[in-house]
Every structure is written in C-alpha cells, then in structure tokens.
Amino acid sequence: MDARLTSEQRELRDSAARLAGDLGPGSVHDLDDADRVVRLEKAVAASGWRSLRADGASGVEVALVAEEFGRRLVDVPFLGPVLAADLRGDSADDTFDDPPWTVGVDAEAVDARGIARVVLLSGRRLLAGWTGVVLPGPDLTRRNTEIRGPLEPVGELSADLAGRWRVLALVASCADLVGAARGAHALACDYAKVREQYGHAIGTYQAVAHLLAEGLALIEGSVSVLRYAAWAVDELPPDEGLRAARIAKLYCARAARTICETTVQVHGGIGNTWDCLAHVYLRRVLASTDLFPVSLEEIDLGLS
C-alpha cells in the first residue's frame, strides 16, 4: 500500500475543504441560517461529489471528502447520498430515477434532509422506498427520517459488490468521525491559545497541553487506520476489507469521542453551553458511531 495521496486526491481534498470552510457553519447559530444552508446545498450538488463512486472514484477519495465535511460540520446530505449512489451504480436495474436518493439502515433513512427516496441493502437485495417524518436524534447537522413502506425490490448485487459496499459504508462513517475529531481538536487548540488564566494562555500549562497532545496522537492513529481501510475498499477481498474497516471504526469512534470530550473540558464552563460548537462535534461523533456500529466481538485482535 502506498499511503501517499496523488495530486488529484490532494486537489479533491483541498476543494472539499474550501467548500466546507466557506459555507459550513462557523457557529451554533449558523445552523439556523436557512440562506447559508441553501447556498451550501447548491454547492455540494453542483460539485458532483455525491456520486463519486458511481463516477469511478476510489474508497480513499470518498473518505477524503467525508473527512473534510465532518471537520467543518457540513450540514447538508453527503454521507447518505454517496452511499446510495454506489448502490444505484452497482445495480443493473433501470427503475432508479434521478437523484436525490439517500441510503437506509434498518428502518431509518440516513442523512435525509430534503431527500424523498431511499435505497437500502438487505442481504444482497436492493429495496427502495420513500422517506417519512424526521426522527429525533443527537446530531444537529444531519437529519434521519423514517422509511415509508412498502419497500419495492429494485435489484440484486453480487456477493462481491455487496461486501465492498459494506466496507465503503464503514469507511465513510469512519472518515466522518476522523473529520469531526480534527475539527473539535482545532477548536480546542484555538481556544487554548487565546483564553488566559493567571496572566498566561491556558495552552502554556501542561495540564492542558498534554490533553491536546494526546488528542493529536489519537488523530494521527485514526488517520492511519482510516487510510488503510479506505485503500482496502478497492484493493483487498471484501472479507479482508471488512475486517480492516471494523478495526478502523472501533478505533476512530473511541478516539473521536475522547477528543470531543477533551474539547469540552479545555473550554471549561463555556464548553458546556449551547453557544459553544464543542457539543455539535460531540453530537455528530455519537451519531456517526451509531451508524453501522461495530462491537469488539466482531474482530479478533483483543482490542480494549
């Protein structure tokens, strides 16, 4: 495996970062800015990134965009539509109409704000339905809905394609976790540079600096396991890719939660208020952890 990004992949990452940085929410109050959300939706739709896999992109490239969108708390659908596009592109059925579509998990349509249709994978069978009422959840940046039945069979995937999709789904949720962790860590570092106590920035004190350094180490580890799992989507057999993705999901989920909780701690009292973005990152991490969840019993390395 060559862990280096190609020039095209770096440009994709940088483009996603610019779009998310320009139009993503910069504060909790920005989440209620309808005009900003409309502009962001138009920009993401125009980018074509929701159909990355259908357009031949690799798992690494999907992960790069998902990571940058998680880092900037992009609050229009991406994760659900990009996974749905992969299912639709792999199906030989011609009953799929034009997007937007999102993906379903169990009885919920994931990341479904403003999206009417949902496709889900049951075993190897593809089922299509309609989105319903918005369901309550912790994430303030994404909305899940119920799935309205009855579900209609629209195709069937080969065992290989179904397995690779499941690996991609885990990798995409891992990338969102890593991005949110990076965003939360940056928020904590920025605050530690400007918040003063006893005449010095709190980041100069070891009690705070060590927490931030540990967070950076966790991010580096998360990036490593994520990159390998993203590479495995296309380069390894599905069973080996699934094992790599499960390990990545466990590591990234625990690391991201630790980093987000550290961000709240570094902010002190203000970190427990609604106006601080720390809780928005933590909520997103909790939601992405529960999306395609993995337990320790599913791997055999004895991680604790």
Protein backbone atom coordinates (compact mmCIF):
# COMPACT_ATOMS: atom_id res chain seq x y z
CA MET A 1 0.00 0.00 0.00
CA ASP A 2 1.26 3.48 -0.92
CA ALA A 3 -0.13 5.82 1.74
CA ARG A 4 0.74 8.95 -0.23
CA LEU A 5 -2.09 10.87 -1.89
CA THR A 6 -1.90 11.57 -5.60
CA SER A 7 -2.01 15.15 -6.84
CA GLU A 8 -5.62 14.63 -7.93
CA GLN A 9 -6.56 13.32 -4.49
CA ARG A 10 -4.89 16.26 -2.78
CA GLU A 11 -6.80 18.65 -5.03
CA LEU A 12 -10.07 16.87 -4.25
CA ARG A 13 -9.34 17.12 -0.53
CA ASP A 14 -8.44 20.79 -0.78
CA SER A 15 -11.53 21.58 -2.86
CA ALA A 16 -13.77 19.88 -0.32
CA ALA A 17 -12.04 21.77 2.49
CA ARG A 18 -12.53 25.11 0.73
CA LEU A 19 -16.21 24.49 0.04
CA ALA A 20 -16.86 23.32 3.60
CA GLY A 21 -14.84 26.17 5.08
CA ASP A 22 -16.65 28.80 3.03
CA LEU A 23 -20.21 27.60 3.57
CA GLY A 24 -20.15 25.27 6.56
CA PRO A 25 -21.45 26.54 9.92
CA GLY A 26 -18.96 28.63 11.84
CA SER A 27 -21.10 28.81 14.96
CA VAL A 28 -24.11 27.12 16.53
CA HIS A 29 -26.32 29.99 15.36
CA ASP A 30 -25.23 29.38 11.75
CA LEU A 31 -27.08 26.06 11.87
CA ASP A 32 -30.33 28.06 11.71
CA ASP A 33 -29.21 30.21 8.76
CA ALA A 34 -31.52 28.96 6.01
CA ASP A 35 -29.87 31.07 3.31
CA ARG A 36 -26.46 29.61 4.11
CA VAL A 37 -27.86 26.07 4.01
CA VAL A 38 -29.42 26.72 0.59
CA ARG A 39 -26.09 28.01 -0.77
CA LEU A 40 -24.26 25.03 0.71
CA GLU A 41 -26.77 22.60 -0.76
CA LYS A 42 -26.39 24.12 -4.22
CA ALA A 43 -22.59 24.00 -3.98
CA VAL A 44 -22.48 20.37 -2.87
CA ALA A 45 -25.00 19.33 -5.53
CA ALA A 46 -23.01 21.15 -8.22
CA SER A 47 -19.75 19.53 -7.12
CA GLY A 48 -20.95 16.07 -8.16
CA TRP A 49 -19.30 14.53 -5.09
CA ARG A 50 -22.47 12.73 -4.05
CA SER A 51 -21.95 10.39 -6.99
CA LEU A 52 -18.21 9.88 -6.52
CA ARG A 53 -18.33 6.09 -6.53
CA ALA A 54 -20.73 5.93 -9.43
CA ASP A 55 -18.25 8.13 -11.32
CA GLY A 56 -15.40 5.72 -10.64
CA ALA A 57 -13.81 7.28 -7.53
CA SER A 58 -11.91 5.11 -5.07
CA GLY A 59 -12.75 4.48 -1.44
CA VAL A 60 -9.85 6.77 -0.49
CA GLU A 61 -11.38 9.65 -2.44
CA VAL A 62 -14.82 9.19 -0.85
CA ALA A 63 -13.12 9.17 2.56
CA LEU A 64 -11.21 12.38 1.82
CA VAL A 65 -14.39 14.33 1.09
CA ALA A 66 -16.27 12.80 4.02
CA GLU A 67 -13.42 13.72 6.36
CA GLU A 68 -13.34 17.36 5.28
CA PHE A 69 -17.12 17.62 5.51
CA GLY A 70 -17.03 16.19 9.03
CA ARG A 71 -14.27 18.58 10.02
CA ARG A 72 -16.37 21.60 9.03
CA LEU A 73 -19.73 20.15 10.20
CA VAL A 74 -21.27 20.31 6.72
CA ASP A 75 -25.00 20.21 7.39
CA VAL A 76 -26.44 19.12 4.05
CA PRO A 77 -26.64 15.48 2.93
CA PHE A 78 -23.48 13.78 1.71
CA LEU A 79 -22.84 10.51 3.53
CA GLY A 80 -26.28 9.05 2.75
CA PRO A 81 -26.37 10.12 -0.90
CA VAL A 82 -22.81 8.99 -1.71
CA LEU A 83 -23.54 5.51 -0.32
CA ALA A 84 -26.87 5.41 -2.14
CA ALA A 85 -25.17 6.39 -5.40
CA ASP A 86 -22.78 3.48 -5.01
CA LEU A 87 -25.69 1.05 -4.61
CA ARG A 88 -27.55 2.54 -7.53
CA GLY A 89 -24.47 2.47 -9.73
CA ASP A 90 -23.80 -1.21 -8.95
CA SER A 91 -27.38 -2.24 -9.72
CA ALA A 92 -28.33 -3.36 -13.20
CA ASP A 93 -31.92 -2.34 -12.56
CA ASP A 94 -33.12 0.60 -14.65
CA THR A 95 -36.04 1.60 -12.43
CA PHE A 96 -33.94 4.08 -10.44
CA ASP A 97 -34.88 7.62 -11.34
CA ASP A 98 -32.68 10.67 -10.99
CA PRO A 99 -31.27 11.71 -7.58
CA PRO A 100 -31.52 12.77 -4.88
CA TRP A 101 -31.52 9.41 -3.10
CA THR A 102 -30.17 8.51 0.31
CA VAL A 103 -29.32 5.22 1.97
CA GLY A 104 -31.40 3.36 4.51
CA VAL A 105 -30.26 1.47 7.59
CA ASP A 106 -32.83 -0.73 9.31
CA ALA A 107 -35.99 1.40 9.43
CA GLU A 108 -34.28 4.79 9.03
CA ALA A 109 -33.25 6.87 6.04
CA VAL A 110 -29.81 8.28 6.85
CA ASP A 111 -28.75 11.87 6.21
CA ALA A 112 -32.08 12.54 4.51
CA ARG A 113 -32.74 16.27 4.80
CA GLY A 114 -34.69 17.31 1.69
CA ILE A 115 -34.41 13.86 0.08
CA ALA A 116 -37.51 11.91 -0.96
CA ARG A 117 -36.20 8.46 -1.98
CA VAL A 118 -34.22 5.86 -0.05
CA VAL A 119 -32.47 2.66 -1.09
CA LEU A 120 -31.21 0.00 1.30
CA LEU A 121 -29.30 -3.24 1.05
CA SER A 122 -30.91 -6.31 2.65
CA GLY A 123 -28.53 -9.20 2.28
CA ARG A 124 -27.84 -8.81 -1.43
CA ARG A 125 -31.23 -7.42 -2.40
CA LEU A 126 -31.79 -3.72 -3.07
CA LEU A 127 -35.03 -2.26 -1.75
CA ALA A 128 -36.39 1.21 -2.49
CA GLY A 129 -38.84 3.31 -0.51
CA TRP A 130 -39.78 6.84 0.44
CA THR A 131 -38.62 9.00 3.32
CA GLY A 132 -41.10 9.99 6.01
CA VAL A 133 -41.19 12.11 9.13
CA VAL A 134 -37.96 13.39 10.69
CA LEU A 135 -36.78 11.27 13.61
CA PRO A 136 -35.29 12.72 16.81
CA GLY A 137 -31.54 12.28 17.20
CA PRO A 138 -28.45 13.86 18.75
CA ASP A 139 -26.90 15.19 15.53
CA LEU A 140 -27.70 18.86 14.86
CA THR A 141 -26.09 18.80 11.41
CA ARG A 142 -27.86 15.83 9.81
CA ARG A 143 -31.41 14.51 9.90
CA ASN A 144 -32.64 10.93 9.68
CA THR A 145 -36.21 10.08 8.73
CA GLU A 146 -38.40 7.04 8.94
CA ILE A 147 -38.80 4.88 5.84
CA ARG A 148 -42.30 4.73 4.45
CA GLY A 149 -43.29 1.36 3.04
CA PRO A 150 -43.95 -0.82 1.35
CA LEU A 151 -40.39 -1.35 0.14
CA GLU A 152 -40.02 -2.23 -3.53
CA PRO A 153 -37.35 -4.67 -4.79
CA VAL A 154 -35.20 -2.87 -7.37
CA GLY A 155 -32.27 -5.17 -7.94
CA GLU A 156 -29.71 -7.55 -6.51
CA LEU A 157 -25.96 -7.25 -6.10
CA SER A 158 -23.30 -9.92 -6.39
CA ALA A 159 -21.72 -11.09 -3.16
CA ASP A 160 -18.53 -9.21 -4.05
CA LEU A 161 -20.29 -5.89 -4.71
CA ALA A 162 -22.47 -6.20 -1.60
CA GLY A 163 -19.38 -6.90 0.51
CA ARG A 164 -17.45 -3.97 -0.92
CA TRP A 165 -20.39 -1.64 -0.29
CA ARG A 166 -20.47 -2.64 3.37
CA VAL A 167 -16.75 -1.88 3.63
CA LEU A 168 -17.29 1.50 1.97
CA ALA A 169 -20.15 2.30 4.36
CA LEU A 170 -17.93 1.66 7.39
CA VAL A 171 -15.07 3.65 5.85
CA ALA A 172 -17.31 6.64 5.09
CA SER A 173 -18.61 6.75 8.67
CA CYS A 174 -15.01 6.41 9.94
CA ALA A 175 -13.94 9.33 7.78
CA ASP A 176 -16.73 11.47 9.22
CA LEU A 177 -15.54 10.55 12.71
CA VAL A 178 -11.94 11.50 11.93
CA GLY A 179 -13.03 14.78 10.38
CA ALA A 180 -15.19 15.69 13.37
CA ALA A 181 -12.33 14.80 15.71
CA ARG A 182 -9.97 17.05 13.75
CA GLY A 183 -12.47 19.90 13.84
CA ALA A 184 -13.05 19.54 17.58
CA HIS A 185 -9.31 19.37 18.27
CA ALA A 186 -8.68 22.52 16.23
CA LEU A 187 -11.46 24.28 18.16
CA ALA A 188 -9.81 23.34 21.46
CA CYS A 189 -6.34 24.41 20.29
CA ASP A 190 -7.61 27.78 19.08
CA TYR A 191 -9.33 28.40 22.40
CA ALA A 192 -6.27 27.35 24.40
CA LYS A 193 -4.22 29.99 22.56
CA VAL A 194 -6.47 32.91 23.46
CA ARG A 195 -8.02 32.01 26.83
CA GLU A 196 -5.81 33.38 29.60
CA GLN A 197 -5.62 32.37 33.23
CA TYR A 198 -3.17 33.83 35.76
CA GLY A 199 -1.77 36.03 33.01
CA HIS A 200 -0.91 33.25 30.57
CA ALA A 201 -2.71 31.42 27.77
CA ILE A 202 -4.07 28.17 29.17
CA GLY A 203 -2.33 26.25 26.38
CA THR A 204 1.01 27.01 28.03
CA TYR A 205 0.07 24.92 31.06
CA GLN A 206 1.00 21.23 30.95
CA ALA A 207 -2.41 20.09 32.21
CA VAL A 208 -3.98 21.48 29.04
CA ALA A 209 -1.08 20.97 26.64
CA HIS A 210 -0.83 17.27 27.43
CA LEU A 211 -4.54 16.76 26.74
CA LEU A 212 -4.20 18.44 23.36
CA ALA A 213 -1.06 16.47 22.54
CA GLU A 214 -2.84 13.22 23.36
CA GLY A 215 -5.69 14.28 21.09
CA LEU A 216 -3.25 14.91 18.23
CA ALA A 217 -1.73 11.46 18.73
CA LEU A 218 -5.20 9.90 18.58
CA ILE A 219 -5.93 11.79 15.35
CA GLU A 220 -2.72 10.53 13.75
CA GLY A 221 -3.59 6.97 14.70
CA SER A 222 -7.11 7.40 13.38
CA VAL A 223 -5.86 8.73 10.05
CA SER A 224 -3.57 5.72 9.68
CA VAL A 225 -6.23 3.07 10.25
CA LEU A 226 -8.73 5.03 8.15
CA ARG A 227 -6.36 5.32 5.16
CA TYR A 228 -5.67 1.60 5.23
CA ALA A 229 -9.36 0.71 5.44
CA ALA A 230 -10.19 3.16 2.64
CA TRP A 231 -7.47 1.61 0.47
CA ALA A 232 -8.85 -1.86 1.29
CA VAL A 233 -12.26 -0.99 -0.19
CA ASP A 234 -10.90 -1.49 -3.70
CA GLU A 235 -7.63 -3.36 -3.22
CA LEU A 236 -8.45 -6.25 -0.87
CA PRO A 237 -11.08 -9.01 -0.98
CA PRO A 238 -14.31 -7.89 0.75
CA ASP A 239 -13.81 -10.11 3.81
CA GLU A 240 -10.33 -8.67 4.44
CA GLY A 241 -11.56 -5.15 3.75
CA LEU A 242 -14.43 -5.64 6.18
CA ARG A 243 -12.03 -6.68 8.92
CA ALA A 244 -9.86 -3.61 8.33
CA ALA A 245 -12.92 -1.35 8.30
CA ARG A 246 -14.29 -2.80 11.53
CA ILE A 247 -10.99 -2.22 13.32
CA ALA A 248 -10.88 1.33 11.94
CA LYS A 249 -14.45 2.02 13.10
CA LEU A 250 -13.73 0.87 16.64
CA TYR A 251 -10.51 2.87 16.91
CA CYS A 252 -11.84 6.03 15.26
CA ALA A 253 -15.06 6.04 17.28
CA ARG A 254 -13.30 5.78 20.62
CA ALA A 255 -10.64 8.29 19.64
CA ALA A 256 -13.16 10.82 18.32
CA ARG A 257 -15.29 10.66 21.45
CA THR A 258 -12.23 11.13 23.66
CA ILE A 259 -11.11 14.14 21.61
CA CYS A 260 -14.56 15.75 21.67
CA GLU A 261 -14.87 15.28 25.43
CA THR A 262 -11.39 16.79 25.82
CA THR A 263 -12.54 19.79 23.76
CA VAL A 264 -15.43 20.36 26.16
CA GLN A 265 -13.01 20.06 29.10
CA VAL A 266 -10.47 22.50 27.63
CA HIS A 267 -13.22 25.09 27.14
CA GLY A 268 -14.13 24.85 30.82
CA GLY A 269 -17.53 26.26 31.74
CA ILE A 270 -18.21 27.72 28.29
CA GLY A 271 -17.74 24.23 26.83
CA ASN A 272 -20.97 23.13 28.49
CA THR A 273 -23.06 25.90 26.96
CA TRP A 274 -25.23 25.79 23.85
CA ASP A 275 -23.26 28.53 22.10
CA CYS A 276 -20.00 26.54 22.06
CA LEU A 277 -19.52 24.35 18.98
CA ALA A 278 -17.93 21.61 21.09
CA HIS A 279 -21.25 19.86 21.72
CA VAL A 280 -22.12 19.95 18.00
CA TYR A 281 -18.95 17.99 17.22
CA LEU A 282 -19.65 15.56 20.06
CA ARG A 283 -23.23 15.01 18.85
CA ARG A 284 -22.02 14.31 15.32
CA VAL A 285 -19.46 11.82 16.62
CA LEU A 286 -22.09 9.99 18.66
CA ALA A 287 -24.37 9.76 15.62
CA SER A 288 -21.60 8.52 13.30
CA THR A 289 -20.55 5.95 15.91
CA ASP A 290 -24.07 4.51 15.89
CA LEU A 291 -24.14 4.44 12.08
CA PHE A 292 -23.03 0.95 11.01
CA PRO A 293 -21.90 0.15 14.57
CA VAL A 294 -19.14 -2.36 15.33
CA SER A 295 -18.51 -4.30 18.54
CA LEU A 296 -15.28 -5.78 19.86
CA GLU A 297 -16.73 -9.26 19.42
CA GLU A 298 -16.65 -8.77 15.65
CA ILE A 299 -12.85 -8.61 15.48
CA ASP A 300 -10.21 -10.96 16.83
CA LEU A 301 -7.38 -8.70 17.95
CA GLY A 302 -8.46 -8.35 21.57
CA LEU A 303 -8.66 -4.54 21.46
CA SER A 304 -9.88 -2.95 24.66
